[in-house]
Amino acid sequence: MKKEKLWTLEFIVMSCSNFFQYISQYIMVAALPIYIMNNLGGRRGGNRLGNDFFSDWNSLLPTFGWTLD
């Protein structure tokens, strides 16, 4: 029986893609409150609200993709 390789090009590309997607999410969660306070004149409550909308929207995106398919 021939062994299949785990570290194929497709596996490496998919792993890198997922890694960079999660890193960008973490950066956005950290940078969004700073952006709201500095550029939009927001207060602490606005920062929390902005982060809440961002995280809620990201949790709903897979559902929208599934329903559109």
N, C-alpha and C. Protein backbone atom coordinates (compact mmCIF):
# COMPACT_ATOMS: atom_id res chain seq x y z
N MET A 1 0.84 -1.18 0.00
CA MET A 1 0.00 0.00 0.00
C MET A 1 0.89 1.24 0.00
N LYS A 2 0.60 2.13 -0.92
CA LYS A 2 1.40 3.35 -1.05
C LYS A 2 0.93 4.40 -0.05
N LYS A 3 1.87 5.01 0.67
CA LYS A 3 1.54 6.06 1.63
C LYS A 3 1.34 7.38 0.89
N GLU A 4 0.31 8.08 1.27
CA GLU A 4 0.08 9.40 0.71
C GLU A 4 0.82 10.44 1.54
N LYS A 5 1.37 11.42 0.88
CA LYS A 5 2.09 12.48 1.58
C LYS A 5 1.11 13.44 2.22
N LEU A 6 1.44 13.86 3.43
CA LEU A 6 0.62 14.85 4.13
C LEU A 6 0.98 16.26 3.66
N TRP A 7 2.25 16.53 3.52
CA TRP A 7 2.71 17.88 3.22
C TRP A 7 2.71 18.13 1.71
N THR A 8 1.54 18.11 1.13
CA THR A 8 1.41 18.44 -0.29
C THR A 8 1.32 19.95 -0.44
N LEU A 9 1.43 20.39 -1.67
CA LEU A 9 1.36 21.83 -1.95
C LEU A 9 0.00 22.38 -1.55
N GLU A 10 -1.06 21.65 -1.82
CA GLU A 10 -2.40 22.11 -1.46
C GLU A 10 -2.56 22.24 0.04
N PHE A 11 -2.01 21.29 0.80
CA PHE A 11 -2.10 21.35 2.25
C PHE A 11 -1.35 22.56 2.80
N ILE A 12 -0.18 22.84 2.27
CA ILE A 12 0.62 23.97 2.74
C ILE A 12 -0.07 25.29 2.40
N VAL A 13 -0.60 25.40 1.20
CA VAL A 13 -1.29 26.63 0.81
C VAL A 13 -2.53 26.85 1.67
N MET A 14 -3.29 25.81 1.91
CA MET A 14 -4.50 25.94 2.73
C MET A 14 -4.14 26.29 4.18
N SER A 15 -3.09 25.70 4.71
CA SER A 15 -2.65 26.01 6.07
C SER A 15 -2.20 27.47 6.18
N CYS A 16 -1.45 27.94 5.21
CA CYS A 16 -1.01 29.34 5.23
C CYS A 16 -2.20 30.29 5.08
N SER A 17 -3.14 29.92 4.24
CA SER A 17 -4.33 30.75 4.05
C SER A 17 -5.12 30.87 5.35
N ASN A 18 -5.34 29.77 6.04
CA ASN A 18 -6.06 29.81 7.31
C ASN A 18 -5.29 30.59 8.37
N PHE A 19 -3.98 30.40 8.41
CA PHE A 19 -3.16 31.11 9.38
C PHE A 19 -3.29 32.63 9.20
N PHE A 20 -3.15 33.11 7.97
CA PHE A 20 -3.21 34.54 7.74
C PHE A 20 -4.62 35.10 7.94
N GLN A 21 -5.63 34.30 7.68
CA GLN A 21 -7.00 34.75 7.92
C GLN A 21 -7.23 34.94 9.42
N TYR A 22 -6.81 34.00 10.24
CA TYR A 22 -6.99 34.13 11.69
C TYR A 22 -6.14 35.26 12.26
N ILE A 23 -4.93 35.42 11.77
CA ILE A 23 -4.08 36.53 12.23
C ILE A 23 -4.75 37.87 11.91
N SER A 24 -5.32 37.99 10.72
CA SER A 24 -5.97 39.26 10.37
C SER A 24 -7.19 39.52 11.26
N GLN A 25 -7.91 38.48 11.65
CA GLN A 25 -9.04 38.66 12.56
C GLN A 25 -8.57 39.14 13.92
N TYR A 26 -7.50 38.56 14.44
CA TYR A 26 -6.99 38.96 15.74
C TYR A 26 -6.47 40.40 15.71
N ILE A 27 -5.82 40.78 14.62
CA ILE A 27 -5.32 42.14 14.50
C ILE A 27 -6.50 43.12 14.44
N MET A 28 -7.54 42.76 13.70
CA MET A 28 -8.69 43.64 13.59
C MET A 28 -9.39 43.82 14.93
N VAL A 29 -9.51 42.76 15.71
CA VAL A 29 -10.15 42.87 17.02
C VAL A 29 -9.33 43.78 17.94
N ALA A 30 -8.03 43.75 17.81
CA ALA A 30 -7.19 44.60 18.65
C ALA A 30 -7.15 46.04 18.14
N ALA A 31 -7.20 46.23 16.83
CA ALA A 31 -7.04 47.57 16.26
C ALA A 31 -8.35 48.33 16.14
N LEU A 32 -9.47 47.65 16.09
CA LEU A 32 -10.74 48.34 15.89
C LEU A 32 -11.07 49.34 16.99
N PRO A 33 -10.93 49.01 18.28
CA PRO A 33 -11.21 50.01 19.30
C PRO A 33 -10.29 51.23 19.23
N ILE A 34 -9.04 51.01 18.91
CA ILE A 34 -8.09 52.12 18.79
C ILE A 34 -8.50 53.03 17.64
N TYR A 35 -8.89 52.43 16.52
CA TYR A 35 -9.33 53.21 15.37
C TYR A 35 -10.59 54.01 15.70
N ILE A 36 -11.53 53.38 16.40
CA ILE A 36 -12.77 54.07 16.76
C ILE A 36 -12.48 55.26 17.66
N MET A 37 -11.60 55.08 18.64
CA MET A 37 -11.30 56.18 19.57
C MET A 37 -10.53 57.30 18.88
N ASN A 38 -9.52 56.97 18.11
CA ASN A 38 -8.65 58.00 17.54
C ASN A 38 -9.24 58.69 16.32
N ASN A 39 -9.88 57.97 15.44
CA ASN A 39 -10.31 58.55 14.17
C ASN A 39 -11.79 58.88 14.11
N LEU A 40 -12.61 58.22 14.89
CA LEU A 40 -14.04 58.45 14.82
C LEU A 40 -14.58 59.17 16.06
N GLY A 41 -13.70 59.48 17.01
CA GLY A 41 -14.11 60.20 18.20
C GLY A 41 -15.01 59.40 19.12
N GLY A 42 -14.79 58.12 19.17
CA GLY A 42 -15.63 57.26 19.99
C GLY A 42 -15.22 57.25 21.45
N ARG A 43 -16.12 56.77 22.28
CA ARG A 43 -15.86 56.60 23.70
C ARG A 43 -15.74 55.12 24.01
N ARG A 44 -15.51 54.80 25.27
CA ARG A 44 -15.33 53.39 25.65
C ARG A 44 -16.54 52.54 25.28
N GLY A 45 -17.72 53.03 25.54
CA GLY A 45 -18.93 52.26 25.19
C GLY A 45 -19.04 52.01 23.70
N GLY A 46 -18.64 53.02 22.91
CA GLY A 46 -18.65 52.86 21.45
C GLY A 46 -17.66 51.82 20.99
N ASN A 47 -16.53 51.75 21.69
CA ASN A 47 -15.54 50.74 21.33
C ASN A 47 -16.10 49.34 21.54
N ARG A 48 -16.74 49.15 22.66
CA ARG A 48 -17.32 47.83 22.93
C ARG A 48 -18.40 47.50 21.91
N LEU A 49 -19.20 48.49 21.59
CA LEU A 49 -20.28 48.27 20.63
C LEU A 49 -19.71 47.96 19.25
N GLY A 50 -18.66 48.66 18.84
CA GLY A 50 -18.02 48.38 17.56
C GLY A 50 -17.44 46.98 17.51
N ASN A 51 -16.78 46.57 18.59
CA ASN A 51 -16.24 45.21 18.64
C ASN A 51 -17.34 44.16 18.65
N ASP A 52 -18.43 44.47 19.34
CA ASP A 52 -19.55 43.52 19.36
C ASP A 52 -20.14 43.33 17.97
N PHE A 53 -20.34 44.44 17.25
CA PHE A 53 -20.87 44.32 15.89
C PHE A 53 -19.91 43.55 14.99
N PHE A 54 -18.62 43.82 15.13
CA PHE A 54 -17.62 43.13 14.30
C PHE A 54 -17.62 41.63 14.58
N SER A 55 -17.62 41.24 15.85
CA SER A 55 -17.58 39.81 16.17
C SER A 55 -18.90 39.12 15.83
N ASP A 56 -20.02 39.82 16.01
CA ASP A 56 -21.31 39.22 15.63
C ASP A 56 -21.40 39.02 14.13
N TRP A 57 -20.95 40.00 13.37
CA TRP A 57 -20.98 39.88 11.92
C TRP A 57 -20.11 38.72 11.45
N ASN A 58 -18.93 38.58 12.03
CA ASN A 58 -18.03 37.49 11.63
C ASN A 58 -18.58 36.13 12.00
N SER A 59 -19.36 36.06 13.07
CA SER A 59 -19.94 34.76 13.42
C SER A 59 -21.11 34.41 12.51
N LEU A 60 -21.73 35.41 11.87
CA LEU A 60 -22.85 35.14 10.97
C LEU A 60 -22.43 34.88 9.53
N LEU A 61 -21.23 35.27 9.15
CA LEU A 61 -20.80 35.11 7.76
C LEU A 61 -20.85 33.67 7.27
N PRO A 62 -20.41 32.66 8.03
CA PRO A 62 -20.52 31.29 7.51
C PRO A 62 -21.97 30.87 7.26
N THR A 63 -22.89 31.37 8.05
CA THR A 63 -24.31 31.05 7.84
C THR A 63 -24.81 31.63 6.53
N PHE A 64 -24.40 32.85 6.22
CA PHE A 64 -24.83 33.46 4.95
C PHE A 64 -24.26 32.69 3.76
N GLY A 65 -23.02 32.26 3.86
CA GLY A 65 -22.42 31.48 2.79
C GLY A 65 -23.13 30.16 2.57
N TRP A 66 -23.52 29.53 3.67
CA TRP A 66 -24.21 28.25 3.58
C TRP A 66 -25.59 28.41 2.96
N THR A 67 -26.29 29.49 3.32
CA THR A 67 -27.63 29.68 2.77
C THR A 67 -27.58 30.09 1.30
N LEU A 68 -26.54 30.81 0.89
CA LEU A 68 -26.43 31.21 -0.51
C LEU A 68 -26.08 30.04 -1.42
N ASP A 69 -25.39 29.05 -0.87
CA ASP A 69 -25.06 27.87 -1.69
C ASP A 69 -26.31 27.08 -1.92
